[in-house]
Amino acid sequence: MADDDADTIREKFSDSVNMTAKELDDWLDTDESQSVGNASGDEESTGHYMGRRIVEIQHKKVADLDDDDLAAMKKVSGYVARHLKQKPTKEDVETSKWRYSLMNWGHDPLK
């Protein structure tokens, strides 16, 4: 299936993630980053974990990407595409949980 082709997955990931590894890594250290997402107790939120995973992927060479990396990349692309459609209409986007959540997944909608 074309959607599962490694080249297609990498292309969609590249289109979805518009933050550099450094930008994302710096963002993940902020209180704002840690203030959003689903987590239970002291666990890290899914989005925050995926942000760290994205940074790992960004540091890899294409030839070193494995099936787990490609699955994560596909998950990121799907999340960003779905979440972009949920843009808030009545709040300041710059400081919205919507933007913060997207940024945890490597996409800053204000870029």
PDB file of N, CA and C in Angstrom:
ATOM      1  N   MET A   1       0.839  -1.182   0.000  1.00  0.00           N
ATOM      2  CA  MET A   1       0.000   0.000   0.000  1.00  0.00           C
ATOM      3  C   MET A   1       0.883   1.244   0.000  1.00  0.00           C
ATOM      4  N   ALA A   2       0.565   2.220  -0.825  1.00  0.00           N
ATOM      5  CA  ALA A   2       1.406   3.408  -0.996  1.00  0.00           C
ATOM      6  C   ALA A   2       1.561   4.201   0.297  1.00  0.00           C
ATOM      7  N   ASP A   3       0.522   4.249   1.132  1.00  0.00           N
ATOM      8  CA  ASP A   3       0.600   5.012   2.379  1.00  0.00           C
ATOM      9  C   ASP A   3       1.621   4.429   3.351  1.00  0.00           C
ATOM     10  N   ASP A   4       1.956   3.158   3.178  1.00  0.00           N
ATOM     11  CA  ASP A   4       2.900   2.517   4.081  1.00  0.00           C
ATOM     12  C   ASP A   4       4.315   2.469   3.504  1.00  0.00           C
ATOM     13  N   ASP A   5       4.510   3.025   2.323  1.00  0.00           N
ATOM     14  CA  ASP A   5       5.818   3.078   1.698  1.00  0.00           C
ATOM     15  C   ASP A   5       6.730   3.974   2.542  1.00  0.00           C
ATOM     16  N   ALA A   6       7.939   3.515   2.800  1.00  0.00           N
ATOM     17  CA  ALA A   6       8.871   4.253   3.662  1.00  0.00           C
ATOM     18  C   ALA A   6       9.129   5.671   3.150  1.00  0.00           C
ATOM     19  N   ASP A   7       9.257   5.833   1.841  1.00  0.00           N
ATOM     20  CA  ASP A   7       9.495   7.168   1.283  1.00  0.00           C
ATOM     21  C   ASP A   7       8.313   8.095   1.552  1.00  0.00           C
ATOM     22  N   THR A   8       7.105   7.565   1.399  1.00  0.00           N
ATOM     23  CA  THR A   8       5.898   8.350   1.646  1.00  0.00           C
ATOM     24  C   THR A   8       5.796   8.731   3.112  1.00  0.00           C
ATOM     25  N   ILE A   9       6.097   7.792   3.988  1.00  0.00           N
ATOM     26  CA  ILE A   9       6.047   8.068   5.427  1.00  0.00           C
ATOM     27  C   ILE A   9       7.049   9.159   5.793  1.00  0.00           C
ATOM     28  N   ARG A  10       8.255   9.062   5.268  1.00  0.00           N
ATOM     29  CA  ARG A  10       9.278  10.080   5.556  1.00  0.00           C
ATOM     30  C   ARG A  10       8.865  11.436   5.012  1.00  0.00           C
ATOM     31  N   GLU A  11       8.278  11.468   3.836  1.00  0.00           N
ATOM     32  CA  GLU A  11       7.844  12.731   3.229  1.00  0.00           C
ATOM     33  C   GLU A  11       6.736  13.379   4.057  1.00  0.00           C
ATOM     34  N   LYS A  12       5.743  12.604   4.453  1.00  0.00           N
ATOM     35  CA  LYS A  12       4.646  13.146   5.268  1.00  0.00           C
ATOM     36  C   LYS A  12       5.163  13.622   6.627  1.00  0.00           C
ATOM     37  N   PHE A  13       6.090  12.889   7.198  1.00  0.00           N
ATOM     38  CA  PHE A  13       6.689  13.283   8.471  1.00  0.00           C
ATOM     39  C   PHE A  13       7.413  14.615   8.311  1.00  0.00           C
ATOM     40  N   SER A  14       8.186  14.733   7.261  1.00  0.00           N
ATOM     41  CA  SER A  14       8.932  15.962   7.002  1.00  0.00           C
ATOM     42  C   SER A  14       7.988  17.151   6.801  1.00  0.00           C
ATOM     43  N   ASP A  15       6.864  16.915   6.144  1.00  0.00           N
ATOM     44  CA  ASP A  15       5.864  17.965   5.937  1.00  0.00           C
ATOM     45  C   ASP A  15       5.177  18.338   7.250  1.00  0.00           C
ATOM     46  N   SER A  16       5.010  17.379   8.138  1.00  0.00           N
ATOM     47  CA  SER A  16       4.290  17.599   9.399  1.00  0.00           C
ATOM     48  C   SER A  16       5.158  18.254  10.464  1.00  0.00           C
ATOM     49  N   VAL A  17       6.402  17.856  10.552  1.00  0.00           N
ATOM     50  CA  VAL A  17       7.298  18.345  11.604  1.00  0.00           C
ATOM     51  C   VAL A  17       8.056  19.557  11.059  1.00  0.00           C
ATOM     52  N   ASN A  18       7.680  20.745  11.543  1.00  0.00           N
ATOM     53  CA  ASN A  18       8.326  21.962  11.058  1.00  0.00           C
ATOM     54  C   ASN A  18       9.253  22.595  12.099  1.00  0.00           C
ATOM     55  N   MET A  19       9.500  21.887  13.185  1.00  0.00           N
ATOM     56  CA  MET A  19      10.442  22.358  14.201  1.00  0.00           C
ATOM     57  C   MET A  19      11.736  21.567  14.068  1.00  0.00           C
ATOM     58  N   THR A  20      12.864  22.249  14.245  1.00  0.00           N
ATOM     59  CA  THR A  20      14.143  21.545  14.219  1.00  0.00           C
ATOM     60  C   THR A  20      14.276  20.729  15.498  1.00  0.00           C
ATOM     61  N   ALA A  21      15.235  19.821  15.497  1.00  0.00           N
ATOM     62  CA  ALA A  21      15.478  19.018  16.700  1.00  0.00           C
ATOM     63  C   ALA A  21      15.808  19.925  17.885  1.00  0.00           C
ATOM     64  N   LYS A  22      16.593  20.962  17.667  1.00  0.00           N
ATOM     65  CA  LYS A  22      16.959  21.882  18.754  1.00  0.00           C
ATOM     66  C   LYS A  22      15.740  22.652  19.245  1.00  0.00           C
ATOM     67  N   GLU A  23      14.942  23.182  18.318  1.00  0.00           N
ATOM     68  CA  GLU A  23      13.726  23.916  18.718  1.00  0.00           C
ATOM     69  C   GLU A  23      12.810  23.021  19.538  1.00  0.00           C
ATOM     70  N   LEU A  24      12.617  21.801  19.076  1.00  0.00           N
ATOM     71  CA  LEU A  24      11.727  20.882  19.766  1.00  0.00           C
ATOM     72  C   LEU A  24      12.296  20.483  21.117  1.00  0.00           C
ATOM     73  N   ASP A  25      13.573  20.191  21.167  1.00  0.00           N
ATOM     74  CA  ASP A  25      14.216  19.816  22.420  1.00  0.00           C
ATOM     75  C   ASP A  25      14.115  20.951  23.443  1.00  0.00           C
ATOM     76  N   ASP A  26      14.358  22.179  23.002  1.00  0.00           N
ATOM     77  CA  ASP A  26      14.231  23.338  23.894  1.00  0.00           C
ATOM     78  C   ASP A  26      12.780  23.506  24.364  1.00  0.00           C
ATOM     79  N   TRP A  27      11.839  23.325  23.449  1.00  0.00           N
ATOM     80  CA  TRP A  27      10.420  23.452  23.779  1.00  0.00           C
ATOM     81  C   TRP A  27      10.006  22.425  24.835  1.00  0.00           C
ATOM     82  N   LEU A  28      10.470  21.206  24.683  1.00  0.00           N
ATOM     83  CA  LEU A  28      10.076  20.131  25.595  1.00  0.00           C
ATOM     84  C   LEU A  28      10.532  20.383  27.034  1.00  0.00           C
ATOM     85  N   ASP A  29      11.501  21.272  27.218  1.00  0.00           N
ATOM     86  CA  ASP A  29      11.982  21.623  28.560  1.00  0.00           C
ATOM     87  C   ASP A  29      11.131  22.691  29.242  1.00  0.00           C
ATOM     88  N   THR A  30      10.148  23.245  28.536  1.00  0.00           N
ATOM     89  CA  THR A  30       9.347  24.337  29.103  1.00  0.00           C
ATOM     90  C   THR A  30       8.172  23.812  29.930  1.00  0.00           C
ATOM     91  N   ASP A  31       7.717  24.643  30.849  1.00  0.00           N
ATOM     92  CA  ASP A  31       6.509  24.314  31.626  1.00  0.00           C
ATOM     93  C   ASP A  31       5.292  24.210  30.724  1.00  0.00           C
ATOM     94  N   GLU A  32       5.241  25.055  29.689  1.00  0.00           N
ATOM     95  CA  GLU A  32       4.100  25.047  28.769  1.00  0.00           C
ATOM     96  C   GLU A  32       3.989  23.696  28.058  1.00  0.00           C
ATOM     97  N   SER A  33       5.123  23.169  27.656  1.00  0.00           N
ATOM     98  CA  SER A  33       5.129  21.873  26.989  1.00  0.00           C
ATOM     99  C   SER A  33       4.576  20.784  27.895  1.00  0.00           C
ATOM    100  N   GLN A  34       4.975  20.833  29.140  1.00  0.00           N
ATOM    101  CA  GLN A  34       4.564  19.793  30.082  1.00  0.00           C
ATOM    102  C   GLN A  34       3.159  20.010  30.643  1.00  0.00           C
ATOM    103  N   SER A  35       2.539  21.155  30.290  1.00  0.00           N
ATOM    104  CA  SER A  35       1.212  21.471  30.823  1.00  0.00           C
ATOM    105  C   SER A  35       0.074  20.862  30.006  1.00  0.00           C
ATOM    106  N   VAL A  36       0.385  20.259  28.869  1.00  0.00           N
ATOM    107  CA  VAL A  36      -0.663  19.719  28.003  1.00  0.00           C
ATOM    108  C   VAL A  36      -0.465  18.229  27.769  1.00  0.00           C
ATOM    109  N   GLY A  37      -1.525  17.579  27.352  1.00  0.00           N
ATOM    110  CA  GLY A  37      -1.442  16.165  26.988  1.00  0.00           C
ATOM    111  C   GLY A  37      -2.079  15.255  28.013  1.00  0.00           C
ATOM    112  N   ASN A  38      -2.273  14.026  27.588  1.00  0.00           N
ATOM    113  CA  ASN A  38      -2.874  13.010  28.448  1.00  0.00           C
ATOM    114  C   ASN A  38      -1.793  12.207  29.147  1.00  0.00           C
ATOM    115  N   ALA A  39      -1.879  12.200  30.465  1.00  0.00           N
ATOM    116  CA  ALA A  39      -0.959  11.398  31.277  1.00  0.00           C
ATOM    117  C   ALA A  39      -1.671  11.051  32.564  1.00  0.00           C
ATOM    118  N   SER A  40      -1.266   9.950  33.150  1.00  0.00           N
ATOM    119  CA  SER A  40      -1.855   9.587  34.436  1.00  0.00           C
ATOM    120  C   SER A  40      -0.786   9.696  35.517  1.00  0.00           C
ATOM    121  N   GLY A  41      -1.143  10.369  36.584  1.00  0.00           N
ATOM    122  CA  GLY A  41      -0.203  10.523  37.693  1.00  0.00           C
ATOM    123  C   GLY A  41       1.023  11.307  37.282  1.00  0.00           C
ATOM    124  N   ASP A  42       2.194  10.785  37.616  1.00  0.00           N
ATOM    125  CA  ASP A  42       3.447  11.462  37.306  1.00  0.00           C
ATOM    126  C   ASP A  42       4.031  11.038  35.956  1.00  0.00           C
ATOM    127  N   GLU A  43       3.266  10.279  35.203  1.00  0.00           N
ATOM    128  CA  GLU A  43       3.748   9.806  33.908  1.00  0.00           C
ATOM    129  C   GLU A  43       3.860  10.958  32.918  1.00  0.00           C
ATOM    130  N   GLU A  44       4.752  10.798  31.959  1.00  0.00           N
ATOM    131  CA  GLU A  44       4.916  11.762  30.881  1.00  0.00           C
ATOM    132  C   GLU A  44       3.735  11.634  29.919  1.00  0.00           C
ATOM    133  N   SER A  45       3.248  12.760  29.403  1.00  0.00           N
ATOM    134  CA  SER A  45       2.131  12.711  28.457  1.00  0.00           C
ATOM    135  C   SER A  45       2.586  12.056  27.152  1.00  0.00           C
ATOM    136  N   THR A  46       1.629  11.550  26.412  1.00  0.00           N
ATOM    137  CA  THR A  46       1.920  10.903  25.133  1.00  0.00           C
ATOM    138  C   THR A  46       2.609  11.867  24.178  1.00  0.00           C
ATOM    139  N   GLY A  47       2.091  13.092  24.091  1.00  0.00           N
ATOM    140  CA  GLY A  47       2.680  14.078  23.187  1.00  0.00           C
ATOM    141  C   GLY A  47       4.096  14.449  23.573  1.00  0.00           C
ATOM    142  N   HIS A  48       4.344  14.583  24.865  1.00  0.00           N
ATOM    143  CA  HIS A  48       5.685  14.942  25.326  1.00  0.00           C
ATOM    144  C   HIS A  48       6.661  13.807  25.005  1.00  0.00           C
ATOM    145  N   TYR A  49       6.231  12.577  25.231  1.00  0.00           N
ATOM    146  CA  TYR A  49       7.057  11.417  24.885  1.00  0.00           C
ATOM    147  C   TYR A  49       7.345  11.409  23.377  1.00  0.00           C
ATOM    148  N   MET A  50       6.299  11.660  22.574  1.00  0.00           N
ATOM    149  CA  MET A  50       6.486  11.632  21.122  1.00  0.00           C
ATOM    150  C   MET A  50       7.416  12.752  20.678  1.00  0.00           C
ATOM    151  N   GLY A  51       7.384  13.882  21.354  1.00  0.00           N
ATOM    152  CA  GLY A  51       8.317  14.954  21.029  1.00  0.00           C
ATOM    153  C   GLY A  51       9.754  14.497  21.202  1.00  0.00           C
ATOM    154  N   ARG A  52      10.021  13.804  22.311  1.00  0.00           N
ATOM    155  CA  ARG A  52      11.378  13.282  22.530  1.00  0.00           C
ATOM    156  C   ARG A  52      11.730  12.245  21.473  1.00  0.00           C
ATOM    157  N   ARG A  53      10.741  11.459  21.092  1.00  0.00           N
ATOM    158  CA  ARG A  53      10.947  10.426  20.056  1.00  0.00           C
ATOM    159  C   ARG A  53      11.254  11.082  18.704  1.00  0.00           C
ATOM    160  N   ILE A  54      10.562  12.180  18.403  1.00  0.00           N
ATOM    161  CA  ILE A  54      10.800  12.916  17.156  1.00  0.00           C
ATOM    162  C   ILE A  54      12.240  13.421  17.110  1.00  0.00           C
ATOM    163  N   VAL A  55      12.718  13.969  18.215  1.00  0.00           N
ATOM    164  CA  VAL A  55      14.100  14.453  18.270  1.00  0.00           C
ATOM    165  C   VAL A  55      15.070  13.310  17.970  1.00  0.00           C
ATOM    166  N   GLU A  56      14.813  12.135  18.552  1.00  0.00           N
ATOM    167  CA  GLU A  56      15.664  10.966  18.271  1.00  0.00           C
ATOM    168  C   GLU A  56      15.661  10.651  16.776  1.00  0.00           C
ATOM    169  N   ILE A  57      14.484  10.650  16.181  1.00  0.00           N
ATOM    170  CA  ILE A  57      14.348  10.330  14.757  1.00  0.00           C
ATOM    171  C   ILE A  57      15.076  11.364  13.913  1.00  0.00           C
ATOM    172  N   GLN A  58      14.939  12.637  14.279  1.00  0.00           N
ATOM    173  CA  GLN A  58      15.584  13.695  13.505  1.00  0.00           C
ATOM    174  C   GLN A  58      17.107  13.571  13.522  1.00  0.00           C
ATOM    175  N   HIS A  59      17.657  12.970  14.542  1.00  0.00           N
ATOM    176  CA  HIS A  59      19.105  12.808  14.632  1.00  0.00           C
ATOM    177  C   HIS A  59      19.617  11.570  13.893  1.00  0.00           C
ATOM    178  N   LYS A  60      18.712  10.734  13.418  1.00  0.00           N
ATOM    179  CA  LYS A  60      19.123   9.518  12.710  1.00  0.00           C
ATOM    180  C   LYS A  60      19.320   9.783  11.223  1.00  0.00           C
ATOM    181  N   LYS A  61      20.182   8.979  10.617  1.00  0.00           N
ATOM    182  CA  LYS A  61      20.322   8.977   9.167  1.00  0.00           C
ATOM    183  C   LYS A  61      19.165   8.167   8.597  1.00  0.00           C
ATOM    184  N   VAL A  62      18.744   8.505   7.399  1.00  0.00           N
ATOM    185  CA  VAL A  62      17.628   7.806   6.761  1.00  0.00           C
ATOM    186  C   VAL A  62      17.884   6.302   6.729  1.00  0.00           C
ATOM    187  N   ALA A  63      19.099   5.911   6.423  1.00  0.00           N
ATOM    188  CA  ALA A  63      19.436   4.480   6.318  1.00  0.00           C
ATOM    189  C   ALA A  63      19.310   3.762   7.662  1.00  0.00           C
ATOM    190  N   ASP A  64      19.348   4.509   8.759  1.00  0.00           N
ATOM    191  CA  ASP A  64      19.277   3.909  10.095  1.00  0.00           C
ATOM    192  C   ASP A  64      17.862   3.847  10.662  1.00  0.00           C
ATOM    193  N   LEU A  65      16.890   4.381   9.937  1.00  0.00           N
ATOM    194  CA  LEU A  65      15.504   4.334  10.416  1.00  0.00           C
ATOM    195  C   LEU A  65      14.986   2.903  10.338  1.00  0.00           C
ATOM    196  N   ASP A  66      14.394   2.437  11.449  1.00  0.00           N
ATOM    197  CA  ASP A  66      13.851   1.083  11.462  1.00  0.00           C
ATOM    198  C   ASP A  66      12.326   1.126  11.432  1.00  0.00           C
ATOM    199  N   ASP A  67      11.712  -0.042  11.501  1.00  0.00           N
ATOM    200  CA  ASP A  67      10.248  -0.122  11.424  1.00  0.00           C
ATOM    201  C   ASP A  67       9.565   0.626  12.560  1.00  0.00           C
ATOM    202  N   ASP A  68      10.152   0.604  13.754  1.00  0.00           N
ATOM    203  CA  ASP A  68       9.578   1.355  14.882  1.00  0.00           C
ATOM    204  C   ASP A  68       9.628   2.850  14.618  1.00  0.00           C
ATOM    205  N   ASP A  69      10.713   3.324  14.036  1.00  0.00           N
ATOM    206  CA  ASP A  69      10.833   4.739  13.689  1.00  0.00           C
ATOM    207  C   ASP A  69       9.769   5.124  12.660  1.00  0.00           C
ATOM    208  N   LEU A  70       9.621   4.300  11.639  1.00  0.00           N
ATOM    209  CA  LEU A  70       8.630   4.589  10.593  1.00  0.00           C
ATOM    210  C   LEU A  70       7.209   4.581  11.164  1.00  0.00           C
ATOM    211  N   ALA A  71       6.924   3.666  12.080  1.00  0.00           N
ATOM    212  CA  ALA A  71       5.603   3.635  12.710  1.00  0.00           C
ATOM    213  C   ALA A  71       5.369   4.906  13.524  1.00  0.00           C
ATOM    214  N   ALA A  72       6.392   5.362  14.236  1.00  0.00           N
ATOM    215  CA  ALA A  72       6.270   6.604  15.012  1.00  0.00           C
ATOM    216  C   ALA A  72       6.086   7.794  14.084  1.00  0.00           C
ATOM    217  N   MET A  73       6.813   7.812  12.984  1.00  0.00           N
ATOM    218  CA  MET A  73       6.703   8.904  12.018  1.00  0.00           C
ATOM    219  C   MET A  73       5.297   8.966  11.416  1.00  0.00           C
ATOM    220  N   LYS A  74       4.745   7.807  11.139  1.00  0.00           N
ATOM    221  CA  LYS A  74       3.388   7.740  10.590  1.00  0.00           C
ATOM    222  C   LYS A  74       2.372   8.235  11.623  1.00  0.00           C
ATOM    223  N   LYS A  75       2.581   7.867  12.877  1.00  0.00           N
ATOM    224  CA  LYS A  75       1.697   8.310  13.959  1.00  0.00           C
ATOM    225  C   LYS A  75       1.750   9.831  14.106  1.00  0.00           C
ATOM    226  N   VAL A  76       2.948  10.401  14.035  1.00  0.00           N
ATOM    227  CA  VAL A  76       3.118  11.852  14.149  1.00  0.00           C
ATOM    228  C   VAL A  76       2.372  12.563  13.026  1.00  0.00           C
ATOM    229  N   SER A  77       2.548  12.111  11.803  1.00  0.00           N
ATOM    230  CA  SER A  77       1.892  12.741  10.656  1.00  0.00           C
ATOM    231  C   SER A  77       0.376  12.698  10.794  1.00  0.00           C
ATOM    232  N   GLY A  78      -0.148  11.572  11.222  1.00  0.00           N
ATOM    233  CA  GLY A  78      -1.589  11.439  11.399  1.00  0.00           C
ATOM    234  C   GLY A  78      -2.111  12.362  12.488  1.00  0.00           C
ATOM    235  N   TYR A  79      -1.381  12.430  13.608  1.00  0.00           N
ATOM    236  CA  TYR A  79      -1.801  13.288  14.712  1.00  0.00           C
ATOM    237  C   TYR A  79      -1.821  14.746  14.278  1.00  0.00           C
ATOM    238  N   VAL A  80      -0.747  15.197  13.645  1.00  0.00           N
ATOM    239  CA  VAL A  80      -0.657  16.600  13.234  1.00  0.00           C
ATOM    240  C   VAL A  80      -1.787  16.926  12.256  1.00  0.00           C
ATOM    241  N   ALA A  81      -2.030  16.070  11.288  1.00  0.00           N
ATOM    242  CA  ALA A  81      -3.096  16.310  10.305  1.00  0.00           C
ATOM    243  C   ALA A  81      -4.459  16.426  10.982  1.00  0.00           C
ATOM    244  N   ARG A  82      -4.747  15.523  11.912  1.00  0.00           N
ATOM    245  CA  ARG A  82      -6.040  15.560  12.621  1.00  0.00           C
ATOM    246  C   ARG A  82      -6.148  16.794  13.514  1.00  0.00           C
ATOM    247  N   HIS A  83      -5.086  17.083  14.236  1.00  0.00           N
ATOM    248  CA  HIS A  83      -5.118  18.171  15.214  1.00  0.00           C
ATOM    249  C   HIS A  83      -5.200  19.543  14.540  1.00  0.00           C
ATOM    250  N   LEU A  84      -4.583  19.702  13.375  1.00  0.00           N
ATOM    251  CA  LEU A  84      -4.654  20.975  12.661  1.00  0.00           C
ATOM    252  C   LEU A  84      -6.096  21.331  12.289  1.00  0.00           C
ATOM    253  N   LYS A  85      -6.917  20.324  12.080  1.00  0.00           N
ATOM    254  CA  LYS A  85      -8.326  20.557  11.733  1.00  0.00           C
ATOM    255  C   LYS A  85      -9.152  21.031  12.923  1.00  0.00           C
ATOM    256  N   GLN A  86      -8.580  20.976  14.126  1.00  0.00           N
ATOM    257  CA  GLN A  86      -9.308  21.341  15.344  1.00  0.00           C
ATOM    258  C   GLN A  86      -8.910  22.716  15.860  1.00  0.00           C
ATOM    259  N   LYS A  87      -8.432  23.592  14.986  1.00  0.00           N
ATOM    260  CA  LYS A  87      -7.962  24.917  15.389  1.00  0.00           C
ATOM    261  C   LYS A  87      -9.047  25.652  16.176  1.00  0.00           C
ATOM    262  N   PRO A  88      -8.692  26.191  17.336  1.00  0.00           N
ATOM    263  CA  PRO A  88      -9.679  26.917  18.138  1.00  0.00           C
ATOM    264  C   PRO A  88     -10.076  28.221  17.447  1.00  0.00           C
ATOM    265  N   THR A  89     -11.303  28.616  17.661  1.00  0.00           N
ATOM    266  CA  THR A  89     -11.785  29.839  17.022  1.00  0.00           C
ATOM    267  C   THR A  89     -11.948  30.990  18.001  1.00  0.00           C
ATOM    268  N   LYS A  90     -12.003  30.683  19.294  1.00  0.00           N
ATOM    269  CA  LYS A  90     -12.306  31.736  20.256  1.00  0.00           C
ATOM    270  C   LYS A  90     -11.204  31.996  21.272  1.00  0.00           C
ATOM    271  N   GLU A  91     -10.021  31.471  21.030  1.00  0.00           N
ATOM    272  CA  GLU A  91      -8.953  31.737  21.985  1.00  0.00           C
ATOM    273  C   GLU A  91      -7.694  32.167  21.237  1.00  0.00           C
ATOM    274  N   ASP A  92      -6.794  32.789  21.957  1.00  0.00           N
ATOM    275  CA  ASP A  92      -5.535  33.219  21.386  1.00  0.00           C
ATOM    276  C   ASP A  92      -4.703  31.983  21.049  1.00  0.00           C
ATOM    277  N   VAL A  93      -4.488  31.755  19.789  1.00  0.00           N
ATOM    278  CA  VAL A  93      -3.778  30.555  19.339  1.00  0.00           C
ATOM    279  C   VAL A  93      -2.366  30.500  19.908  1.00  0.00           C
ATOM    280  N   GLU A  94      -1.706  31.654  20.018  1.00  0.00           N
ATOM    281  CA  GLU A  94      -0.303  31.667  20.445  1.00  0.00           C
ATOM    282  C   GLU A  94      -0.080  30.988  21.791  1.00  0.00           C
ATOM    283  N   THR A  95      -1.012  31.148  22.715  1.00  0.00           N
ATOM    284  CA  THR A  95      -0.855  30.560  24.050  1.00  0.00           C
ATOM    285  C   THR A  95      -1.889  29.464  24.315  1.00  0.00           C
ATOM    286  N   SER A  96      -2.413  28.877  23.247  1.00  0.00           N
ATOM    287  CA  SER A  96      -3.463  27.874  23.399  1.00  0.00           C
ATOM    288  C   SER A  96      -2.890  26.481  23.667  1.00  0.00           C
ATOM    289  N   LYS A  97      -3.662  25.689  24.366  1.00  0.00           N
ATOM    290  CA  LYS A  97      -3.275  24.286  24.585  1.00  0.00           C
ATOM    291  C   LYS A  97      -3.192  23.564  23.243  1.00  0.00           C
ATOM    292  N   TRP A  98      -4.004  23.980  22.286  1.00  0.00           N
ATOM    293  CA  TRP A  98      -3.995  23.401  20.945  1.00  0.00           C
ATOM    294  C   TRP A  98      -2.601  23.547  20.319  1.00  0.00           C
ATOM    295  N   ARG A  99      -2.064  24.773  20.361  1.00  0.00           N
ATOM    296  CA  ARG A  99      -0.718  25.004  19.798  1.00  0.00           C
ATOM    297  C   ARG A  99       0.340  24.261  20.600  1.00  0.00           C
ATOM    298  N   TYR A 100       0.257  24.322  21.926  1.00  0.00           N
ATOM    299  CA  TYR A 100       1.247  23.659  22.758  1.00  0.00           C
ATOM    300  C   TYR A 100       1.275  22.158  22.484  1.00  0.00           C
ATOM    301  N   SER A 101       0.093  21.577  22.303  1.00  0.00           N
ATOM    302  CA  SER A 101       0.024  20.148  22.018  1.00  0.00           C
ATOM    303  C   SER A 101       0.669  19.836  20.667  1.00  0.00           C
ATOM    304  N   LEU A 102       0.357  20.620  19.662  1.00  0.00           N
ATOM    305  CA  LEU A 102       0.969  20.419  18.350  1.00  0.00           C
ATOM    306  C   LEU A 102       2.486  20.567  18.419  1.00  0.00           C
ATOM    307  N   MET A 103       2.943  21.522  19.195  1.00  0.00           N
ATOM    308  CA  MET A 103       4.390  21.726  19.311  1.00  0.00           C
ATOM    309  C   MET A 103       5.063  20.529  19.972  1.00  0.00           C
ATOM    310  N   ASN A 104       4.380  19.886  20.919  1.00  0.00           N
ATOM    311  CA  ASN A 104       4.940  18.657  21.502  1.00  0.00           C
ATOM    312  C   ASN A 104       5.146  17.597  20.439  1.00  0.00           C
ATOM    313  N   TRP A 105       4.327  17.648  19.403  1.00  0.00           N
ATOM    314  CA  TRP A 105       4.423  16.680  18.302  1.00  0.00           C
ATOM    315  C   TRP A 105       5.258  17.227  17.145  1.00  0.00           C
ATOM    316  N   GLY A 106       6.012  18.324  17.397  1.00  0.00           N
ATOM    317  CA  GLY A 106       6.963  18.822  16.421  1.00  0.00           C
ATOM    318  C   GLY A 106       6.436  19.811  15.408  1.00  0.00           C
ATOM    319  N   HIS A 107       5.204  20.282  15.577  1.00  0.00           N
ATOM    320  CA  HIS A 107       4.623  21.211  14.605  1.00  0.00           C
ATOM    321  C   HIS A 107       4.193  22.505  15.298  1.00  0.00           C
ATOM    322  N   ASP A 108       4.792  23.604  14.916  1.00  0.00           N
ATOM    323  CA  ASP A 108       4.373  24.913  15.418  1.00  0.00           C
ATOM    324  C   ASP A 108       3.475  25.550  14.361  1.00  0.00           C
ATOM    325  N   PRO A 109       2.172  25.668  14.637  1.00  0.00           N
ATOM    326  CA  PRO A 109       1.248  26.203  13.638  1.00  0.00           C
ATOM    327  C   PRO A 109       1.468  27.687  13.327  1.00  0.00           C
ATOM    328  N   LEU A 110       2.278  28.363  14.123  1.00  0.00           N
ATOM    329  CA  LEU A 110       2.558  29.779  13.853  1.00  0.00           C
ATOM    330  C   LEU A 110       3.800  29.992  12.979  1.00  0.00           C
ATOM    331  N   LYS A 111       4.436  28.891  12.584  1.00  0.00           N
ATOM    332  CA  LYS A 111       5.616  29.005  11.702  1.00  0.00           C
ATOM    333  C   LYS A 111       5.172  29.154  10.261  1.00  0.00           C
TER     334      LYS A 111
END
